[in-house]
């Protein structure tokens, strides 16, 4: 099973190199494509030195557009979507391969271990969980997880081009509502701790607005899922 890895990255110097290096240890990985989404630091240089193919966006366009742009350069039959800040734990993506290889899922999603400390209060995660369940019937533990494996052609099934951080919710809703099985898989992945500084809160606000946008665009599916 051959994978091309897509990593959207914005100002991830200090993390992206270790993430790329960890992924290069996996035999399933064909190439690693880092989409530099208008970074102003050394993200592109660090990623290239670690062995990734680097594609630069013209300005900061957001995660959704970066992933779809990077997918144009992929050639392997399967894609792995990875966040840039996983570091050494990025190698845990291998756990997502088995269920797809065995035909148990069309898309697998990484489930993270319980966090010892929380950066926020979980509002965006609860919103995403509720939205997906209300529109598809699936109750997810990690609705916002950016770590996924799927067949490359499934990206074309997105009903609307997702903006920013709405990519994950959009993918889950659209694939489920078109009959493709989605499965969460436990991993030992870890993100960097974002904390409660103004920049982190702004990130969560943008994420929440992106989820609401994807829900609104798919309002015709609202009510398909049963809420107990």
N, C-alpha and C. Protein backbone atom coordinates (compact mmCIF):
# COMPACT_ATOMS: atom_id res chain seq x y z
N UNK A 1 0.86 -1.19 0.00
CA UNK A 1 0.00 0.00 0.00
C UNK A 1 0.89 1.24 0.00
N UNK A 2 0.79 2.04 -1.05
CA UNK A 2 1.69 3.17 -1.25
C UNK A 2 0.98 4.48 -0.91
N UNK A 3 1.66 5.30 -0.12
CA UNK A 3 1.09 6.56 0.35
C UNK A 3 1.90 7.76 -0.13
N UNK A 4 1.21 8.81 -0.52
CA UNK A 4 1.82 10.14 -0.59
C UNK A 4 1.30 10.92 0.61
N UNK A 5 2.18 11.60 1.30
CA UNK A 5 1.82 12.35 2.50
C UNK A 5 1.70 13.82 2.17
N UNK A 6 0.58 14.43 2.56
CA UNK A 6 0.37 15.87 2.39
C UNK A 6 0.42 16.55 3.75
N UNK A 7 1.29 17.53 3.88
CA UNK A 7 1.43 18.26 5.15
C UNK A 7 1.26 19.75 4.89
N UNK A 8 0.09 20.32 5.19
CA UNK A 8 -0.05 21.77 5.11
C UNK A 8 0.69 22.40 6.28
N UNK A 9 1.43 23.44 6.03
CA UNK A 9 2.26 24.01 7.09
C UNK A 9 2.30 25.54 7.01
N UNK A 10 2.07 26.16 8.15
CA UNK A 10 2.18 27.62 8.24
C UNK A 10 2.99 27.95 9.48
N UNK A 11 4.20 28.47 9.26
CA UNK A 11 5.11 28.85 10.34
C UNK A 11 5.32 27.70 11.33
N UNK A 12 5.82 26.59 10.81
CA UNK A 12 6.02 25.39 11.63
C UNK A 12 7.50 25.03 11.77
N UNK A 13 8.38 26.00 11.59
CA UNK A 13 9.80 25.75 11.81
C UNK A 13 10.00 25.31 13.26
N UNK A 14 10.86 24.30 13.43
CA UNK A 14 11.07 23.74 14.76
C UNK A 14 10.30 22.46 14.98
N UNK A 15 9.28 22.23 14.14
CA UNK A 15 8.47 21.00 14.22
C UNK A 15 8.49 20.22 12.91
N UNK A 16 8.40 20.94 11.80
CA UNK A 16 8.19 20.28 10.51
C UNK A 16 9.33 19.32 10.16
N UNK A 17 10.56 19.65 10.51
CA UNK A 17 11.68 18.79 10.19
C UNK A 17 11.56 17.43 10.86
N UNK A 18 11.23 17.40 12.14
CA UNK A 18 11.09 16.13 12.85
C UNK A 18 9.90 15.34 12.33
N UNK A 19 8.83 16.05 11.96
CA UNK A 19 7.65 15.37 11.41
C UNK A 19 8.01 14.67 10.11
N UNK A 20 8.68 15.36 9.21
CA UNK A 20 9.09 14.77 7.93
C UNK A 20 10.04 13.60 8.15
N UNK A 21 11.01 13.77 9.03
CA UNK A 21 11.99 12.71 9.29
C UNK A 21 11.33 11.45 9.82
N UNK A 22 10.34 11.61 10.70
CA UNK A 22 9.62 10.45 11.23
C UNK A 22 8.86 9.73 10.14
N UNK A 23 8.24 10.46 9.25
CA UNK A 23 7.47 9.85 8.17
C UNK A 23 8.36 9.12 7.17
N UNK A 24 9.57 9.59 7.01
CA UNK A 24 10.49 8.95 6.06
C UNK A 24 10.93 7.56 6.51
N UNK A 25 10.67 7.21 7.75
CA UNK A 25 11.04 5.88 8.23
C UNK A 25 10.01 4.82 7.84
N UNK A 26 8.88 5.23 7.31
CA UNK A 26 7.78 4.29 7.04
C UNK A 26 7.91 3.74 5.61
N UNK A 27 7.89 2.43 5.46
CA UNK A 27 8.06 1.84 4.12
C UNK A 27 6.90 2.14 3.17
N UNK A 28 5.71 2.45 3.71
CA UNK A 28 4.55 2.72 2.85
C UNK A 28 4.62 4.09 2.16
N UNK A 29 5.46 4.98 2.67
CA UNK A 29 5.49 6.36 2.19
C UNK A 29 6.27 6.47 0.89
N UNK A 30 5.60 6.97 -0.15
CA UNK A 30 6.21 7.18 -1.45
C UNK A 30 6.91 8.53 -1.51
N UNK A 31 6.18 9.58 -1.18
CA UNK A 31 6.77 10.91 -1.13
C UNK A 31 6.04 11.74 -0.07
N UNK A 32 6.73 12.73 0.43
CA UNK A 32 6.18 13.63 1.44
C UNK A 32 6.12 15.02 0.83
N UNK A 33 4.92 15.55 0.73
CA UNK A 33 4.71 16.86 0.11
C UNK A 33 4.31 17.86 1.19
N UNK A 34 5.15 18.83 1.42
CA UNK A 34 4.84 19.90 2.38
C UNK A 34 4.34 21.10 1.60
N UNK A 35 3.13 21.54 1.92
CA UNK A 35 2.56 22.72 1.28
C UNK A 35 2.77 23.90 2.21
N UNK A 36 3.74 24.73 1.89
CA UNK A 36 4.06 25.89 2.71
C UNK A 36 3.02 26.97 2.43
N UNK A 37 2.14 27.18 3.39
CA UNK A 37 0.98 28.06 3.21
C UNK A 37 1.31 29.51 3.58
N UNK A 38 2.31 30.07 2.90
CA UNK A 38 2.66 31.47 3.12
C UNK A 38 3.46 31.72 4.38
N UNK A 39 4.27 30.77 4.80
CA UNK A 39 5.04 30.92 6.04
C UNK A 39 6.02 32.09 5.92
N UNK A 40 6.29 32.70 7.08
CA UNK A 40 7.26 33.80 7.14
C UNK A 40 8.51 33.39 7.91
N UNK A 41 8.60 32.11 8.30
CA UNK A 41 9.78 31.62 9.00
C UNK A 41 10.52 30.62 8.11
N UNK A 42 11.27 29.74 8.70
CA UNK A 42 12.08 28.81 7.92
C UNK A 42 11.42 27.47 7.65
N UNK A 43 10.10 27.43 7.63
CA UNK A 43 9.38 26.16 7.42
C UNK A 43 9.81 25.45 6.15
N UNK A 44 9.83 26.16 5.03
CA UNK A 44 10.13 25.54 3.74
C UNK A 44 11.55 24.98 3.71
N UNK A 45 12.50 25.74 4.23
CA UNK A 45 13.89 25.30 4.24
C UNK A 45 14.06 24.06 5.10
N UNK A 46 13.46 24.08 6.28
CA UNK A 46 13.57 22.95 7.21
C UNK A 46 12.94 21.69 6.63
N UNK A 47 11.79 21.84 6.00
CA UNK A 47 11.11 20.69 5.40
C UNK A 47 11.92 20.11 4.26
N UNK A 48 12.48 20.96 3.43
CA UNK A 48 13.29 20.49 2.31
C UNK A 48 14.54 19.76 2.77
N UNK A 49 15.19 20.28 3.80
CA UNK A 49 16.39 19.64 4.32
C UNK A 49 16.07 18.25 4.91
N UNK A 50 14.86 18.11 5.44
CA UNK A 50 14.47 16.82 6.03
C UNK A 50 14.08 15.80 4.97
N UNK A 51 13.93 16.23 3.72
CA UNK A 51 13.65 15.29 2.65
C UNK A 51 12.28 15.40 2.01
N UNK A 52 11.55 16.46 2.31
CA UNK A 52 10.23 16.63 1.72
C UNK A 52 10.29 17.40 0.41
N UNK A 53 9.30 17.15 -0.43
CA UNK A 53 9.07 17.99 -1.60
C UNK A 53 8.26 19.18 -1.12
N UNK A 54 8.73 20.39 -1.34
CA UNK A 54 8.08 21.59 -0.81
C UNK A 54 7.40 22.37 -1.93
N UNK A 55 6.13 22.68 -1.69
CA UNK A 55 5.36 23.50 -2.63
C UNK A 55 4.93 24.76 -1.87
N UNK A 56 5.18 25.90 -2.44
CA UNK A 56 4.87 27.15 -1.76
C UNK A 56 3.59 27.76 -2.32
N UNK A 57 2.69 28.13 -1.42
CA UNK A 57 1.47 28.83 -1.80
C UNK A 57 1.77 30.32 -1.92
N UNK A 58 0.98 31.01 -2.73
CA UNK A 58 1.12 32.46 -2.86
C UNK A 58 0.30 33.12 -1.76
N UNK A 59 0.91 33.24 -0.59
CA UNK A 59 0.20 33.82 0.54
C UNK A 59 -0.49 32.74 1.36
N UNK A 60 -1.01 33.14 2.51
CA UNK A 60 -1.67 32.22 3.42
C UNK A 60 -3.11 32.00 2.98
N UNK A 61 -3.41 30.79 2.46
CA UNK A 61 -4.73 30.51 1.90
C UNK A 61 -5.59 29.62 2.78
N UNK A 62 -5.00 29.05 3.82
CA UNK A 62 -5.76 28.20 4.72
C UNK A 62 -5.54 26.72 4.46
N UNK A 63 -5.81 25.93 5.48
CA UNK A 63 -5.51 24.50 5.44
C UNK A 63 -6.23 23.76 4.33
N UNK A 64 -7.53 24.00 4.18
CA UNK A 64 -8.30 23.28 3.17
C UNK A 64 -7.76 23.49 1.77
N UNK A 65 -7.52 24.74 1.42
CA UNK A 65 -7.02 25.03 0.08
C UNK A 65 -5.60 24.50 -0.11
N UNK A 66 -4.79 24.54 0.95
CA UNK A 66 -3.42 24.03 0.86
C UNK A 66 -3.41 22.53 0.57
N UNK A 67 -4.26 21.77 1.26
CA UNK A 67 -4.30 20.32 1.03
C UNK A 67 -4.78 20.00 -0.38
N UNK A 68 -5.83 20.67 -0.84
CA UNK A 68 -6.34 20.39 -2.18
C UNK A 68 -5.32 20.78 -3.25
N UNK A 69 -4.58 21.84 -3.01
CA UNK A 69 -3.54 22.24 -3.96
C UNK A 69 -2.41 21.20 -3.96
N UNK A 70 -1.99 20.77 -2.80
CA UNK A 70 -0.92 19.78 -2.72
C UNK A 70 -1.29 18.45 -3.34
N UNK A 71 -2.58 18.10 -3.28
CA UNK A 71 -3.03 16.82 -3.83
C UNK A 71 -2.80 16.74 -5.34
N UNK A 72 -2.69 17.88 -6.00
CA UNK A 72 -2.44 17.88 -7.45
C UNK A 72 -1.08 17.28 -7.78
N UNK A 73 -0.18 17.28 -6.82
CA UNK A 73 1.17 16.79 -7.06
C UNK A 73 1.36 15.36 -6.57
N UNK A 74 0.31 14.77 -6.03
CA UNK A 74 0.39 13.40 -5.53
C UNK A 74 0.16 12.41 -6.66
N UNK A 75 0.78 11.25 -6.56
CA UNK A 75 0.61 10.22 -7.59
C UNK A 75 0.31 8.85 -7.00
N UNK A 76 0.55 8.65 -5.71
CA UNK A 76 0.27 7.36 -5.07
C UNK A 76 -1.24 7.15 -4.97
N UNK A 77 -1.70 5.90 -4.92
CA UNK A 77 -3.14 5.65 -4.85
C UNK A 77 -3.79 6.08 -3.53
N UNK A 78 -2.99 6.23 -2.48
CA UNK A 78 -3.53 6.64 -1.19
C UNK A 78 -2.83 7.91 -0.70
N UNK A 79 -3.59 8.71 0.04
CA UNK A 79 -3.06 9.93 0.63
C UNK A 79 -3.09 9.83 2.14
N UNK A 80 -2.06 10.33 2.77
CA UNK A 80 -2.06 10.53 4.21
C UNK A 80 -2.02 12.04 4.46
N UNK A 81 -2.99 12.53 5.22
CA UNK A 81 -3.02 13.94 5.59
C UNK A 81 -2.46 14.05 7.00
N UNK A 82 -1.47 14.91 7.17
CA UNK A 82 -0.74 14.98 8.43
C UNK A 82 -0.56 16.43 8.84
N UNK A 83 -0.72 16.74 10.13
CA UNK A 83 -0.41 18.07 10.63
C UNK A 83 1.10 18.22 10.81
N UNK A 84 1.57 19.44 10.69
CA UNK A 84 3.01 19.67 10.66
C UNK A 84 3.68 19.56 12.02
N UNK A 85 2.91 19.63 13.09
CA UNK A 85 3.51 19.74 14.42
C UNK A 85 3.56 18.44 15.21
N UNK A 86 3.43 17.29 14.52
CA UNK A 86 3.41 16.01 15.23
C UNK A 86 4.79 15.56 15.69
N UNK A 87 5.82 16.05 15.04
CA UNK A 87 7.17 15.63 15.41
C UNK A 87 7.37 14.14 15.21
N UNK A 88 8.08 13.51 16.16
CA UNK A 88 8.39 12.09 16.05
C UNK A 88 7.14 11.22 16.03
N UNK A 89 6.06 11.69 16.65
CA UNK A 89 4.84 10.87 16.73
C UNK A 89 4.14 10.72 15.38
N UNK A 90 4.58 11.43 14.36
CA UNK A 90 3.98 11.30 13.03
C UNK A 90 4.08 9.88 12.50
N UNK A 91 5.09 9.13 12.95
CA UNK A 91 5.25 7.75 12.49
C UNK A 91 4.08 6.86 12.90
N UNK A 92 3.28 7.31 13.85
CA UNK A 92 2.10 6.56 14.29
C UNK A 92 1.03 6.46 13.20
N UNK A 93 1.21 7.21 12.11
CA UNK A 93 0.24 7.14 11.01
C UNK A 93 0.16 5.73 10.45
N UNK A 94 1.18 4.93 10.70
CA UNK A 94 1.17 3.55 10.21
C UNK A 94 0.00 2.76 10.77
N UNK A 95 -0.49 3.13 11.94
CA UNK A 95 -1.62 2.42 12.55
C UNK A 95 -2.90 2.58 11.73
N UNK A 96 -2.95 3.60 10.89
CA UNK A 96 -4.15 3.87 10.11
C UNK A 96 -4.20 3.07 8.81
N UNK A 97 -3.10 2.40 8.48
CA UNK A 97 -3.01 1.69 7.20
C UNK A 97 -3.85 0.41 7.20
N UNK A 98 -3.76 -0.38 8.27
CA UNK A 98 -4.37 -1.70 8.31
C UNK A 98 -5.85 -1.75 7.96
N UNK A 99 -6.72 -0.94 8.60
CA UNK A 99 -8.15 -1.02 8.30
C UNK A 99 -8.49 -0.71 6.85
N UNK A 100 -7.72 0.15 6.20
CA UNK A 100 -7.96 0.43 4.79
C UNK A 100 -7.49 -0.73 3.93
N UNK A 101 -6.32 -1.24 4.23
CA UNK A 101 -5.80 -2.39 3.49
C UNK A 101 -6.74 -3.59 3.59
N UNK A 102 -7.39 -3.75 4.76
CA UNK A 102 -8.29 -4.88 4.99
C UNK A 102 -9.72 -4.62 4.51
N UNK A 103 -9.97 -3.42 3.95
CA UNK A 103 -11.29 -3.10 3.44
C UNK A 103 -12.31 -2.74 4.49
N UNK A 104 -11.86 -2.40 5.70
CA UNK A 104 -12.78 -2.06 6.79
C UNK A 104 -13.20 -0.59 6.75
N UNK A 105 -12.49 0.23 6.03
CA UNK A 105 -12.80 1.66 5.99
C UNK A 105 -12.30 2.26 4.69
N UNK A 106 -12.98 3.33 4.25
CA UNK A 106 -12.51 4.11 3.10
C UNK A 106 -11.61 5.24 3.57
N UNK A 107 -11.81 5.67 4.81
CA UNK A 107 -10.95 6.70 5.41
C UNK A 107 -10.75 6.36 6.87
N UNK A 108 -9.51 6.40 7.31
CA UNK A 108 -9.21 6.20 8.73
C UNK A 108 -8.73 7.52 9.33
N UNK A 109 -9.04 7.69 10.60
CA UNK A 109 -8.75 8.94 11.31
C UNK A 109 -8.03 8.60 12.61
N UNK A 110 -6.97 9.32 12.90
CA UNK A 110 -6.20 9.06 14.12
C UNK A 110 -6.94 9.57 15.35
N UNK A 111 -7.03 8.71 16.33
CA UNK A 111 -7.56 9.08 17.64
C UNK A 111 -6.38 9.28 18.58
N UNK A 112 -6.31 10.42 19.25
CA UNK A 112 -5.20 10.76 20.12
C UNK A 112 -5.45 10.23 21.53
N UNK A 113 -4.39 9.95 22.29
CA UNK A 113 -4.58 9.55 23.68
C UNK A 113 -5.11 10.72 24.49
N UNK A 114 -5.73 10.46 25.65
CA UNK A 114 -6.25 11.56 26.49
C UNK A 114 -5.16 12.55 26.84
N UNK A 115 -5.50 13.82 26.75
CA UNK A 115 -4.52 14.87 27.04
C UNK A 115 -4.44 15.11 28.55
N UNK A 116 -3.23 15.27 29.02
CA UNK A 116 -3.04 15.56 30.45
C UNK A 116 -3.39 17.01 30.78
N UNK A 117 -3.25 17.86 29.80
CA UNK A 117 -3.62 19.26 29.99
C UNK A 117 -4.33 19.75 28.76
N UNK A 118 -5.28 20.62 28.95
CA UNK A 118 -6.11 21.11 27.86
C UNK A 118 -5.77 22.55 27.55
N UNK A 119 -5.68 22.83 26.25
CA UNK A 119 -5.40 24.21 25.86
C UNK A 119 -6.64 25.08 25.90
N UNK A 120 -7.78 24.51 25.50
CA UNK A 120 -9.03 25.27 25.47
C UNK A 120 -10.09 24.61 26.33
N UNK A 121 -11.35 24.92 26.04
CA UNK A 121 -12.44 24.37 26.83
C UNK A 121 -13.29 23.39 26.02
N UNK A 122 -12.85 23.09 24.81
CA UNK A 122 -13.49 22.02 24.04
C UNK A 122 -14.74 22.40 23.28
N UNK A 123 -15.04 23.70 23.15
CA UNK A 123 -16.27 24.09 22.47
C UNK A 123 -16.27 23.71 20.99
N UNK A 124 -15.16 23.94 20.31
CA UNK A 124 -15.11 23.64 18.88
C UNK A 124 -15.20 22.14 18.65
N UNK A 125 -14.54 21.36 19.48
CA UNK A 125 -14.61 19.91 19.35
C UNK A 125 -16.03 19.42 19.56
N UNK A 126 -16.71 19.97 20.56
CA UNK A 126 -18.10 19.56 20.81
C UNK A 126 -19.01 19.96 19.66
N UNK A 127 -18.77 21.15 19.10
CA UNK A 127 -19.55 21.59 17.95
C UNK A 127 -19.36 20.64 16.77
N UNK A 128 -18.10 20.26 16.50
CA UNK A 128 -17.82 19.36 15.39
C UNK A 128 -18.43 17.98 15.63
N UNK A 129 -18.33 17.49 16.85
CA UNK A 129 -18.91 16.18 17.19
C UNK A 129 -20.42 16.19 16.96
N UNK A 130 -21.07 17.23 17.47
CA UNK A 130 -22.52 17.35 17.34
C UNK A 130 -22.93 17.48 15.88
N UNK A 131 -22.21 18.28 15.11
CA UNK A 131 -22.54 18.52 13.70
C UNK A 131 -22.46 17.22 12.90
N UNK A 132 -21.37 16.49 13.08
CA UNK A 132 -21.20 15.24 12.34
C UNK A 132 -22.26 14.22 12.72
N UNK A 133 -22.55 14.12 14.01
CA UNK A 133 -23.56 13.16 14.43
C UNK A 133 -24.95 13.55 13.94
N UNK A 134 -25.24 14.84 13.96
CA UNK A 134 -26.57 15.31 13.54
C UNK A 134 -26.78 15.11 12.04
N UNK A 135 -25.70 15.16 11.28
CA UNK A 135 -25.82 15.07 9.82
C UNK A 135 -25.53 13.68 9.25
N UNK A 136 -24.88 12.83 10.06
CA UNK A 136 -24.51 11.51 9.53
C UNK A 136 -24.89 10.35 10.44
N UNK A 137 -25.06 10.62 11.72
CA UNK A 137 -25.35 9.57 12.69
C UNK A 137 -24.12 8.99 13.36
N UNK A 138 -22.91 9.37 12.92
CA UNK A 138 -21.69 8.83 13.51
C UNK A 138 -21.25 9.69 14.70
N UNK A 139 -21.03 9.04 15.83
CA UNK A 139 -20.50 9.72 17.01
C UNK A 139 -18.99 9.53 17.02
N UNK A 140 -18.25 10.64 16.90
CA UNK A 140 -16.80 10.59 16.80
C UNK A 140 -16.15 11.09 18.07
N UNK A 141 -14.97 10.56 18.36
CA UNK A 141 -14.18 11.04 19.49
C UNK A 141 -13.20 12.13 19.06
N UNK A 142 -12.74 12.06 17.81
CA UNK A 142 -11.76 13.05 17.32
C UNK A 142 -12.25 13.66 16.00
N UNK A 143 -13.31 14.44 16.03
CA UNK A 143 -13.88 14.98 14.79
C UNK A 143 -12.97 15.97 14.07
N UNK A 144 -12.01 16.55 14.80
CA UNK A 144 -11.15 17.57 14.20
C UNK A 144 -9.75 17.04 13.86
N UNK A 145 -9.54 15.76 14.07
CA UNK A 145 -8.21 15.20 13.82
C UNK A 145 -7.81 15.39 12.36
N UNK A 146 -6.64 15.96 12.16
CA UNK A 146 -6.14 16.18 10.81
C UNK A 146 -5.33 15.03 10.26
N UNK A 147 -5.23 13.94 11.03
CA UNK A 147 -4.40 12.81 10.63
C UNK A 147 -5.30 11.74 10.02
N UNK A 148 -5.23 11.58 8.70
CA UNK A 148 -6.15 10.70 7.99
C UNK A 148 -5.46 10.00 6.83
N UNK A 149 -5.99 8.84 6.48
CA UNK A 149 -5.58 8.15 5.26
C UNK A 149 -6.84 7.82 4.46
N UNK A 150 -6.76 8.06 3.15
CA UNK A 150 -7.89 7.79 2.26
C UNK A 150 -7.38 7.59 0.84
N UNK A 151 -8.22 7.01 -0.01
CA UNK A 151 -7.85 6.90 -1.42
C UNK A 151 -7.81 8.30 -2.02
N UNK A 152 -6.88 8.51 -2.92
CA UNK A 152 -6.66 9.85 -3.48
C UNK A 152 -7.90 10.41 -4.16
N UNK A 153 -8.65 9.57 -4.88
CA UNK A 153 -9.80 10.08 -5.63
C UNK A 153 -10.96 10.51 -4.74
N UNK A 154 -10.94 10.14 -3.46
CA UNK A 154 -12.04 10.50 -2.58
C UNK A 154 -12.06 12.00 -2.26
N UNK A 155 -10.93 12.66 -2.41
CA UNK A 155 -10.92 14.12 -2.21
C UNK A 155 -11.85 14.82 -3.19
N UNK A 156 -12.03 14.22 -4.36
CA UNK A 156 -12.89 14.82 -5.38
C UNK A 156 -14.36 14.72 -5.01
N UNK A 157 -14.69 13.97 -3.98
CA UNK A 157 -16.10 13.81 -3.57
C UNK A 157 -16.56 14.90 -2.61
N UNK A 158 -15.66 15.79 -2.23
CA UNK A 158 -16.06 16.92 -1.41
C UNK A 158 -17.11 17.75 -2.15
N UNK A 159 -18.23 18.01 -1.51
CA UNK A 159 -19.31 18.73 -2.18
C UNK A 159 -18.98 20.20 -2.40
N UNK A 160 -18.22 20.77 -1.50
CA UNK A 160 -17.82 22.18 -1.59
C UNK A 160 -16.35 22.28 -1.21
N UNK A 161 -15.59 23.13 -1.87
CA UNK A 161 -14.18 23.31 -1.48
C UNK A 161 -14.11 23.85 -0.05
N UNK A 162 -13.52 23.12 0.87
CA UNK A 162 -13.47 23.59 2.26
C UNK A 162 -12.49 24.73 2.45
N UNK A 163 -12.84 25.61 3.35
CA UNK A 163 -11.95 26.72 3.68
C UNK A 163 -11.30 26.45 5.03
N UNK A 164 -10.04 26.83 5.13
CA UNK A 164 -9.35 26.79 6.41
C UNK A 164 -9.46 25.46 7.12
N UNK A 165 -9.89 25.54 8.38
CA UNK A 165 -9.92 24.37 9.25
C UNK A 165 -11.21 23.57 9.13
N UNK A 166 -12.01 23.83 8.11
CA UNK A 166 -13.23 23.05 7.91
C UNK A 166 -13.02 21.76 7.15
N UNK A 167 -11.79 21.51 6.71
CA UNK A 167 -11.50 20.36 5.86
C UNK A 167 -11.92 19.04 6.50
N UNK A 168 -11.55 18.83 7.76
CA UNK A 168 -11.79 17.53 8.39
C UNK A 168 -13.28 17.24 8.53
N UNK A 169 -14.05 18.21 9.00
CA UNK A 169 -15.49 18.01 9.15
C UNK A 169 -16.15 17.80 7.79
N UNK A 170 -15.72 18.56 6.80
CA UNK A 170 -16.27 18.42 5.45
C UNK A 170 -16.02 17.03 4.89
N UNK A 171 -14.79 16.55 5.02
CA UNK A 171 -14.45 15.21 4.52
C UNK A 171 -15.29 14.13 5.19
N UNK A 172 -15.40 14.22 6.51
CA UNK A 172 -16.15 13.20 7.24
C UNK A 172 -17.62 13.20 6.84
N UNK A 173 -18.24 14.36 6.80
CA UNK A 173 -19.65 14.44 6.44
C UNK A 173 -19.90 13.93 5.02
N UNK A 174 -19.10 14.38 4.09
CA UNK A 174 -19.36 14.05 2.68
C UNK A 174 -19.12 12.58 2.38
N UNK A 175 -18.07 12.01 2.93
CA UNK A 175 -17.82 10.60 2.67
C UNK A 175 -18.88 9.71 3.33
N UNK A 176 -19.23 10.01 4.56
CA UNK A 176 -20.26 9.22 5.24
C UNK A 176 -21.60 9.31 4.51
N UNK A 177 -21.97 10.50 4.10
CA UNK A 177 -23.27 10.67 3.45
C UNK A 177 -23.30 10.13 2.03
N UNK A 178 -22.14 9.76 1.49
CA UNK A 178 -22.09 9.09 0.20
C UNK A 178 -21.81 7.59 0.35
N UNK A 179 -21.92 7.10 1.58
CA UNK A 179 -21.85 5.67 1.81
C UNK A 179 -20.48 5.08 2.05
N UNK A 180 -19.47 5.91 2.28
CA UNK A 180 -18.12 5.40 2.51
C UNK A 180 -17.86 5.25 4.01
N UNK A 181 -17.42 4.09 4.46
CA UNK A 181 -17.18 3.88 5.89
C UNK A 181 -15.95 4.63 6.38
N UNK A 182 -16.10 5.24 7.55
CA UNK A 182 -15.02 6.01 8.18
C UNK A 182 -14.76 5.40 9.56
N UNK A 183 -13.49 5.22 9.89
CA UNK A 183 -13.14 4.55 11.14
C UNK A 183 -12.05 5.32 11.88
N UNK A 184 -12.27 5.53 13.17
CA UNK A 184 -11.23 6.12 14.02
C UNK A 184 -10.33 5.02 14.56
N UNK A 185 -9.04 5.31 14.64
CA UNK A 185 -8.03 4.33 15.07
C UNK A 185 -7.20 4.96 16.18
N UNK A 186 -7.03 4.24 17.27
CA UNK A 186 -6.23 4.75 18.39
C UNK A 186 -4.75 4.82 18.03
N UNK A 187 -4.11 5.91 18.40
CA UNK A 187 -2.68 6.09 18.18
C UNK A 187 -2.06 6.73 19.42
N UNK A 188 -0.75 6.89 19.37
CA UNK A 188 -0.02 7.61 20.42
C UNK A 188 0.51 8.94 19.88
N UNK A 189 -0.21 9.53 18.94
CA UNK A 189 0.20 10.81 18.38
C UNK A 189 0.05 11.94 19.40
N UNK A 190 0.82 12.98 19.18
CA UNK A 190 0.72 14.15 20.06
C UNK A 190 1.03 15.41 19.28
N UNK A 191 0.24 16.45 19.54
CA UNK A 191 0.48 17.79 19.00
C UNK A 191 1.30 18.60 19.99
N UNK A 192 1.81 19.72 19.53
CA UNK A 192 2.38 20.66 20.48
C UNK A 192 1.25 21.29 21.30
N UNK A 193 1.53 21.67 22.50
CA UNK A 193 0.56 22.28 23.38
C UNK A 193 0.35 23.74 22.98
N UNK A 194 -0.88 24.11 22.68
CA UNK A 194 -1.16 25.46 22.19
C UNK A 194 -1.32 26.48 23.31
N UNK A 195 -1.80 26.05 24.46
CA UNK A 195 -1.95 26.99 25.55
C UNK A 195 -3.18 27.87 25.43
N UNK A 196 -3.18 28.97 26.17
CA UNK A 196 -4.34 29.86 26.22
C UNK A 196 -3.95 31.30 25.92
N UNK A 197 -2.96 31.46 25.05
CA UNK A 197 -2.55 32.81 24.66
C UNK A 197 -3.49 33.34 23.58
N UNK A 198 -3.45 34.63 23.29
CA UNK A 198 -4.37 35.21 22.29
C UNK A 198 -4.31 34.54 20.92
N UNK A 199 -3.10 34.16 20.48
CA UNK A 199 -2.99 33.50 19.19
C UNK A 199 -3.70 32.16 19.15
N UNK A 200 -3.63 31.42 20.25
CA UNK A 200 -4.30 30.13 20.33
C UNK A 200 -5.81 30.29 20.34
N UNK A 201 -6.30 31.29 21.06
CA UNK A 201 -7.75 31.53 21.06
C UNK A 201 -8.24 31.95 19.69
N UNK A 202 -7.44 32.77 18.99
CA UNK A 202 -7.82 33.17 17.63
C UNK A 202 -7.89 31.95 16.72
N UNK A 203 -6.95 31.03 16.88
CA UNK A 203 -6.96 29.79 16.10
C UNK A 203 -8.27 29.03 16.34
N UNK A 204 -8.70 28.95 17.58
CA UNK A 204 -9.93 28.20 17.89
C UNK A 204 -11.16 28.90 17.34
N UNK A 205 -11.16 30.22 17.38
CA UNK A 205 -12.29 30.96 16.80
C UNK A 205 -12.39 30.69 15.31
N UNK A 206 -11.27 30.75 14.61
CA UNK A 206 -11.26 30.47 13.17
C UNK A 206 -11.71 29.05 12.89
N UNK A 207 -11.27 28.13 13.71
CA UNK A 207 -11.65 26.73 13.55
C UNK A 207 -13.17 26.56 13.73
N UNK A 208 -13.71 27.21 14.76
CA UNK A 208 -15.14 27.12 15.00
C UNK A 208 -15.96 27.71 13.87
N UNK A 209 -15.55 28.85 13.36
CA UNK A 209 -16.26 29.47 12.23
C UNK A 209 -16.20 28.59 10.99
N UNK A 210 -15.06 27.92 10.79
CA UNK A 210 -14.93 27.03 9.64
C UNK A 210 -15.87 25.84 9.75
N UNK A 211 -16.00 25.28 10.96
CA UNK A 211 -16.93 24.17 11.17
C UNK A 211 -18.36 24.62 10.90
N UNK A 212 -18.73 25.79 11.40
CA UNK A 212 -20.08 26.31 11.16
C UNK A 212 -20.36 26.51 9.68
N UNK A 213 -19.34 26.97 8.95
CA UNK A 213 -19.52 27.16 7.51
C UNK A 213 -19.81 25.83 6.82
N UNK A 214 -19.06 24.80 7.16
CA UNK A 214 -19.27 23.49 6.51
C UNK A 214 -20.63 22.91 6.88
N UNK A 215 -21.06 23.14 8.12
CA UNK A 215 -22.39 22.67 8.53
C UNK A 215 -23.48 23.40 7.75
N UNK A 216 -23.34 24.71 7.58
CA UNK A 216 -24.33 25.48 6.85
C UNK A 216 -24.42 25.05 5.39
N UNK A 217 -23.26 24.81 4.77
CA UNK A 217 -23.26 24.38 3.37
C UNK A 217 -23.94 23.02 3.20
N UNK A 218 -23.92 22.22 4.25
CA UNK A 218 -24.51 20.88 4.20
C UNK A 218 -25.81 20.79 5.00
N UNK A 219 -26.49 21.91 5.09
CA UNK A 219 -27.72 21.94 5.90
C UNK A 219 -28.81 21.02 5.36
N UNK A 220 -28.70 20.62 4.09
CA UNK A 220 -29.68 19.68 3.55
C UNK A 220 -29.55 18.28 4.17
N UNK A 221 -28.40 18.01 4.82
CA UNK A 221 -28.22 16.71 5.48
C UNK A 221 -28.55 16.78 6.96
N UNK A 222 -28.86 17.97 7.43
CA UNK A 222 -29.13 18.15 8.87
C UNK A 222 -30.36 17.33 9.28
N UNK A 223 -30.20 16.53 10.30
CA UNK A 223 -31.30 15.70 10.77
C UNK A 223 -31.22 14.26 10.31
N UNK A 224 -30.24 13.93 9.47
CA UNK A 224 -30.10 12.53 9.04
C UNK A 224 -29.68 11.63 10.20
N UNK A 225 -28.87 12.18 11.08
CA UNK A 225 -28.40 11.39 12.22
C UNK A 225 -29.38 11.45 13.36
N UNK A 226 -29.42 10.42 14.16
CA UNK A 226 -30.28 10.36 15.32
C UNK A 226 -29.51 10.85 16.54
N UNK A 227 -30.13 11.72 17.29
CA UNK A 227 -29.52 12.22 18.52
C UNK A 227 -30.29 11.65 19.69
N UNK A 228 -29.59 10.82 20.48
CA UNK A 228 -30.24 10.18 21.62
C UNK A 228 -30.16 11.03 22.88
